[in-house]
Each structure stands twice: as C-alpha cells, then as structure tokens.
N, C-alpha and C. Protein backbone atom coordinates (compact mmCIF):
# COMPACT_ATOMS: atom_id res chain seq x y z
N MET A 1 -11.45 30.41 23.15
CA MET A 1 -12.72 29.63 23.98
C MET A 1 -13.73 30.15 24.31
N ASN A 2 -14.88 29.58 23.97
CA ASN A 2 -16.36 30.51 24.44
C ASN A 2 -16.52 30.25 25.81
N GLU A 3 -17.29 31.46 26.12
CA GLU A 3 -17.55 31.61 27.60
C GLU A 3 -18.10 30.38 28.15
N ARG A 4 -19.45 29.98 27.48
CA ARG A 4 -19.55 28.71 28.22
C ARG A 4 -18.81 27.91 28.51
N ILE A 5 -17.94 27.30 27.66
CA ILE A 5 -17.11 26.48 27.88
C ILE A 5 -16.12 26.58 28.89
N ALA A 6 -15.25 27.69 28.93
CA ALA A 6 -14.65 28.31 29.86
C ALA A 6 -15.52 28.18 31.24
N GLU A 7 -16.62 28.24 31.41
CA GLU A 7 -17.29 27.77 32.57
C GLU A 7 -17.45 26.48 33.10
N ARG A 8 -17.56 25.97 31.66
CA ARG A 8 -17.69 24.53 32.33
C ARG A 8 -16.27 23.37 32.72
N VAL A 9 -15.68 24.18 31.91
CA VAL A 9 -14.02 23.86 32.30
C VAL A 9 -13.37 23.89 33.88
N LEU A 10 -13.87 25.47 33.85
CA LEU A 10 -13.38 25.23 35.66
C LEU A 10 -14.49 24.71 36.30
N ASN A 11 -15.73 24.68 36.32
CA ASN A 11 -16.34 23.62 36.95
C ASN A 11 -16.02 22.42 37.22
N VAL A 12 -15.84 21.42 36.32
CA VAL A 12 -14.93 20.28 36.25
C VAL A 12 -14.09 20.48 37.07
N GLY A 13 -12.83 21.17 36.83
CA GLY A 13 -11.98 21.45 37.59
C GLY A 13 -11.97 21.40 39.12
N LEU A 14 -13.06 22.06 39.48
CA LEU A 14 -13.14 22.67 40.93
C LEU A 14 -14.01 21.43 41.34
N THR A 15 -14.67 21.02 40.66
CA THR A 15 -15.85 19.47 41.04
C THR A 15 -14.82 18.52 41.42
N TYR A 16 -13.79 18.21 40.08
CA TYR A 16 -12.76 17.18 40.86
C TYR A 16 -11.93 17.64 41.81
N VAL A 17 -11.22 18.35 41.71
CA VAL A 17 -10.20 18.94 43.45
C VAL A 17 -10.90 18.71 44.46
N GLU A 18 -12.48 19.34 44.56
CA GLU A 18 -12.99 19.50 45.91
C GLU A 18 -13.39 18.41 46.34
N ASN A 19 -13.85 17.47 45.40
CA ASN A 19 -14.37 16.27 46.20
C ASN A 19 -13.26 14.94 45.45
N GLU A 20 -12.37 15.33 45.24
CA GLU A 20 -10.86 14.51 45.01
C GLU A 20 -11.88 13.20 44.26
N SER A 21 -12.59 13.75 42.96
CA SER A 21 -13.25 12.71 42.67
C SER A 21 -12.78 11.81 41.72
N THR A 22 -13.37 10.79 40.49
CA THR A 22 -12.99 10.00 39.53
C THR A 22 -13.57 11.09 38.26
N VAL A 23 -13.03 10.68 37.37
CA VAL A 23 -13.43 11.23 35.84
C VAL A 23 -14.77 10.79 36.36
N ARG A 24 -15.09 9.64 36.14
CA ARG A 24 -16.41 9.10 36.07
C ARG A 24 -17.51 9.88 37.03
N ASP A 25 -16.85 10.28 38.25
CA ASP A 25 -18.13 11.11 39.17
C ASP A 25 -18.22 11.97 38.60
N VAL A 26 -17.12 12.86 38.67
CA VAL A 26 -17.64 14.33 37.98
C VAL A 26 -18.38 14.14 36.63
N ALA A 27 -18.12 13.31 35.93
CA ALA A 27 -18.71 13.39 34.49
C ALA A 27 -20.52 13.13 35.15
N LYS A 28 -20.88 12.38 35.46
CA LYS A 28 -21.89 11.75 35.72
C LYS A 28 -22.69 12.94 36.65
N LYS A 29 -22.09 13.52 37.62
CA LYS A 29 -22.25 14.86 38.14
C LYS A 29 -22.91 16.03 37.76
N LEU A 30 -22.25 16.38 36.69
CA LEU A 30 -22.11 17.44 35.80
C LEU A 30 -22.73 17.06 34.47
N LYS A 31 -23.27 15.83 34.66
CA LYS A 31 -24.20 15.50 32.90
C LYS A 31 -23.43 15.62 31.57
N VAL A 32 -21.98 15.35 32.02
CA VAL A 32 -21.34 15.39 30.54
C VAL A 32 -20.56 14.21 30.64
N SER A 33 -19.80 13.88 29.16
CA SER A 33 -19.16 12.73 29.13
C SER A 33 -18.13 12.69 29.69
N LYS A 34 -17.24 11.20 29.89
CA LYS A 34 -15.85 11.13 30.61
C LYS A 34 -15.14 11.77 29.49
N SER A 35 -15.28 11.77 28.30
CA SER A 35 -14.18 12.41 27.47
C SER A 35 -14.43 14.10 27.49
N THR A 36 -15.32 14.46 27.90
CA THR A 36 -15.40 15.69 27.87
C THR A 36 -14.70 16.06 29.05
N VAL A 37 -14.89 15.28 30.27
CA VAL A 37 -13.94 15.85 31.43
C VAL A 37 -12.91 15.49 31.49
N HIS A 38 -12.29 14.52 30.72
CA HIS A 38 -10.97 14.31 30.65
C HIS A 38 -10.67 15.05 29.66
N LYS A 39 -10.61 15.93 28.94
CA LYS A 39 -10.19 16.58 27.86
C LYS A 39 -10.40 18.03 28.71
N ASP A 40 -11.06 18.38 29.29
CA ASP A 40 -11.52 19.46 30.02
C ASP A 40 -10.15 19.51 31.17
N LEU A 41 -9.92 18.37 31.95
CA LEU A 41 -8.79 18.78 32.66
C LEU A 41 -7.26 18.86 32.28
N ARG A 42 -7.35 17.62 30.86
CA ARG A 42 -5.69 17.42 30.30
C ARG A 42 -5.58 18.56 29.35
N GLU A 43 -6.58 19.32 28.88
CA GLU A 43 -5.81 20.17 27.63
C GLU A 43 -6.65 21.58 27.93
N ARG A 44 -7.73 21.82 28.63
CA ARG A 44 -8.16 22.95 28.41
C ARG A 44 -7.93 23.89 29.69
N LEU A 45 -7.93 23.29 31.16
CA LEU A 45 -7.77 23.58 31.91
C LEU A 45 -6.44 24.25 32.27
N PRO A 46 -5.05 23.44 31.71
CA PRO A 46 -4.08 24.41 32.04
C PRO A 46 -3.67 25.83 31.56
N LYS A 47 -4.96 25.74 30.12
CA LYS A 47 -4.25 27.16 29.83
C LYS A 47 -5.69 28.40 30.38
N LEU A 48 -6.45 28.01 31.37
CA LEU A 48 -7.49 28.53 32.19
C LEU A 48 -6.93 29.12 33.60
N ASN A 49 -6.44 27.88 33.90
CA ASN A 49 -6.06 28.01 35.50
C ASN A 49 -5.09 26.78 35.56
N PRO A 50 -3.68 27.28 35.05
CA PRO A 50 -2.76 26.68 35.95
C PRO A 50 -2.64 25.94 36.98
N SER A 51 -2.77 26.81 38.15
CA SER A 51 -2.94 26.14 39.51
C SER A 51 -3.72 25.03 40.08
N LEU A 52 -4.71 25.20 39.60
CA LEU A 52 -6.13 24.26 39.65
C LEU A 52 -5.44 23.04 38.70
N TYR A 53 -4.96 23.23 37.49
CA TYR A 53 -4.51 22.27 36.78
C TYR A 53 -3.79 21.19 37.80
N ARG A 54 -2.74 21.83 38.03
CA ARG A 54 -1.77 21.14 38.69
C ARG A 54 -2.08 20.53 40.04
N THR A 55 -3.04 21.32 40.54
CA THR A 55 -3.76 20.27 41.94
C THR A 55 -4.66 19.04 41.09
N ALA A 56 -5.37 19.44 40.31
CA ALA A 56 -6.12 18.28 39.50
C ALA A 56 -5.08 17.36 39.01
N GLU A 57 -3.97 17.42 38.18
CA GLU A 57 -2.88 16.82 37.60
C GLU A 57 -2.50 15.63 38.89
N GLU A 58 -2.10 16.03 40.00
CA GLU A 58 -2.05 14.93 41.17
C GLU A 58 -3.20 14.26 41.79
N ILE A 59 -3.96 14.58 41.61
CA ILE A 59 -5.00 13.51 41.44
C ILE A 59 -5.24 12.76 40.46
N LEU A 60 -5.48 13.09 39.60
CA LEU A 60 -5.46 12.45 38.25
C LEU A 60 -4.27 11.28 38.07
N ILE A 61 -3.22 11.65 38.53
CA ILE A 61 -2.08 10.80 38.79
C ILE A 61 -2.22 9.64 40.20
N ARG A 62 -2.89 9.87 40.97
CA ARG A 62 -3.08 9.08 42.10
C ARG A 62 -3.96 8.14 41.86
N ASN A 63 -5.11 8.26 40.70
CA ASN A 63 -6.45 7.60 40.30
C ASN A 63 -6.21 6.96 40.13
N THR A 64 -5.38 6.85 38.87
CA THR A 64 -4.68 6.11 37.57
C THR A 64 -3.82 5.08 38.62
N GLU A 65 -3.02 5.40 39.36
CA GLU A 65 -2.28 4.37 40.19
C GLU A 65 -2.98 3.55 40.96
N GLU A 66 -4.00 3.93 41.49
CA GLU A 66 -5.24 3.24 42.32
C GLU A 66 -5.92 2.83 41.41
N ARG A 67 -6.43 2.83 40.32
CA ARG A 67 -7.10 2.26 39.48
C ARG A 67 -6.48 1.00 39.19
N ALA A 68 -4.75 0.83 38.86
CA ALA A 68 -4.31 -0.50 38.87
C ALA A 68 -4.16 -1.91 39.97
N ILE A 69 -4.35 -1.06 40.78
CA ILE A 69 -4.50 -1.78 42.30
C ILE A 69 -5.72 -2.42 42.43
N ARG A 70 -7.00 -1.53 42.11
CA ARG A 70 -7.96 -1.73 42.17
C ARG A 70 -8.71 -3.21 41.19
N GLY A 71 -8.28 -2.75 39.71
CA GLY A 71 -8.12 -3.55 38.67
C GLY A 71 -7.21 -5.13 39.52
N GLY A 72 -6.15 -5.07 39.86
CA GLY A 72 -5.52 -6.38 40.29
C GLY A 72 -6.26 -6.99 41.55
N GLN A 73 -6.81 -6.49 42.03
CA GLN A 73 -7.67 -6.92 43.84
C GLN A 73 -8.72 -7.38 42.81
N ALA A 74 -9.21 -6.77 42.04
CA ALA A 74 -10.62 -7.04 41.54
C ALA A 74 -10.19 -8.84 40.67
N THR A 75 -9.09 -8.57 40.35
CA THR A 75 -8.98 -9.84 39.32
C THR A 75 -8.73 -11.41 40.41
N LYS A 76 -7.87 -10.53 41.30
CA LYS A 76 -7.67 -11.58 42.68
C LYS A 76 -8.70 -12.37 42.97
N GLU A 77 -9.96 -11.28 43.30
CA GLU A 77 -10.98 -12.02 43.90
C GLU A 77 -11.94 -12.50 43.15
N TYR A 78 -11.98 -12.36 41.81
CA TYR A 78 -12.39 -13.13 40.72
C TYR A 78 -11.90 -14.72 40.77
N TRP A 79 -10.78 -14.93 40.76
CA TRP A 79 -10.12 -16.07 40.68
C TRP A 79 -10.22 -16.69 41.91
N GLU A 80 -10.57 -16.37 43.07
CA GLU A 80 -10.58 -16.73 44.14
C GLU A 80 -11.62 -17.17 44.52
N LYS A 81 -13.00 -16.54 44.44
CA LYS A 81 -14.28 -17.11 44.07
C LYS A 81 -14.25 -18.04 43.17
N ARG A 82 -14.08 -17.88 41.98
CA ARG A 82 -14.18 -19.25 40.86
C ARG A 82 -13.53 -20.69 40.98
N ARG A 83 -12.45 -20.15 41.92
CA ARG A 83 -11.59 -21.78 42.75
C ARG A 83 -12.73 -22.12 43.52
N GLY A 84 -12.68 -21.11 44.43
CA GLY A 84 -13.74 -21.91 45.67
C GLY A 84 -14.77 -22.25 44.74
N ASP A 85 -15.96 -22.03 43.95
CA ASP A 85 -17.16 -22.22 43.24
C ASP A 85 -16.71 -24.07 42.50
N LEU A 86 -15.23 -24.35 41.91
CA LEU A 86 -15.17 -25.35 41.33
C LEU A 86 -14.88 -26.61 42.43
N LEU A 87 -14.45 -26.00 43.46
CA LEU A 87 -13.64 -27.02 44.27
C LEU A 87 -15.03 -27.40 45.28
N GLY A 88 -16.12 -26.45 45.44
CA GLY A 88 -16.95 -26.79 46.58
C GLY A 88 -17.99 -27.07 45.99
C-alpha cells in the first residue's frame, strides 16, 4: 500500500472513531467517496491498525443497527402524515 493511501486510511479511521461519525459524514469531511471510506474501514484499516479497526467496527455495527431503526421510523412518519393528509 502506498504511503499516501496508508495515511488516508489512518485519517479515515481516526476521524470515524473520534467523532463516532457515519460513513457519509467522514466522506464529506475528508472529500472522498462513501465507497472509499467504507473500503478503507473494512479492508485496509485491519491491516494497518487492527486495534483502531476493532473500535471502528463496533461503530459500524451500531450505525447499521440504528439505520434500520431510523428507516422504520421515517416510514412510519411518512404514512402517518399521508394518512392525515388524506383524512384532513
């Protein structure tokens, strides 16, 4: 792995863990794609810094679980509003 990529991977990992951010937030902040952030976190970070990866993985898992909850809540709110519009 070239030095520039390794530096970016560590920066992505540290930013993600320090801020307990989402992949989207880190991508926006570091001006890279979500795919790059995800690949850096899942594939490259374990090779460079296993300890940081384990911490990042916990946040990734939590964010995935919360995303499902947020999606369900958004759907519920959408249909409640839609029902109110149709009845009102």
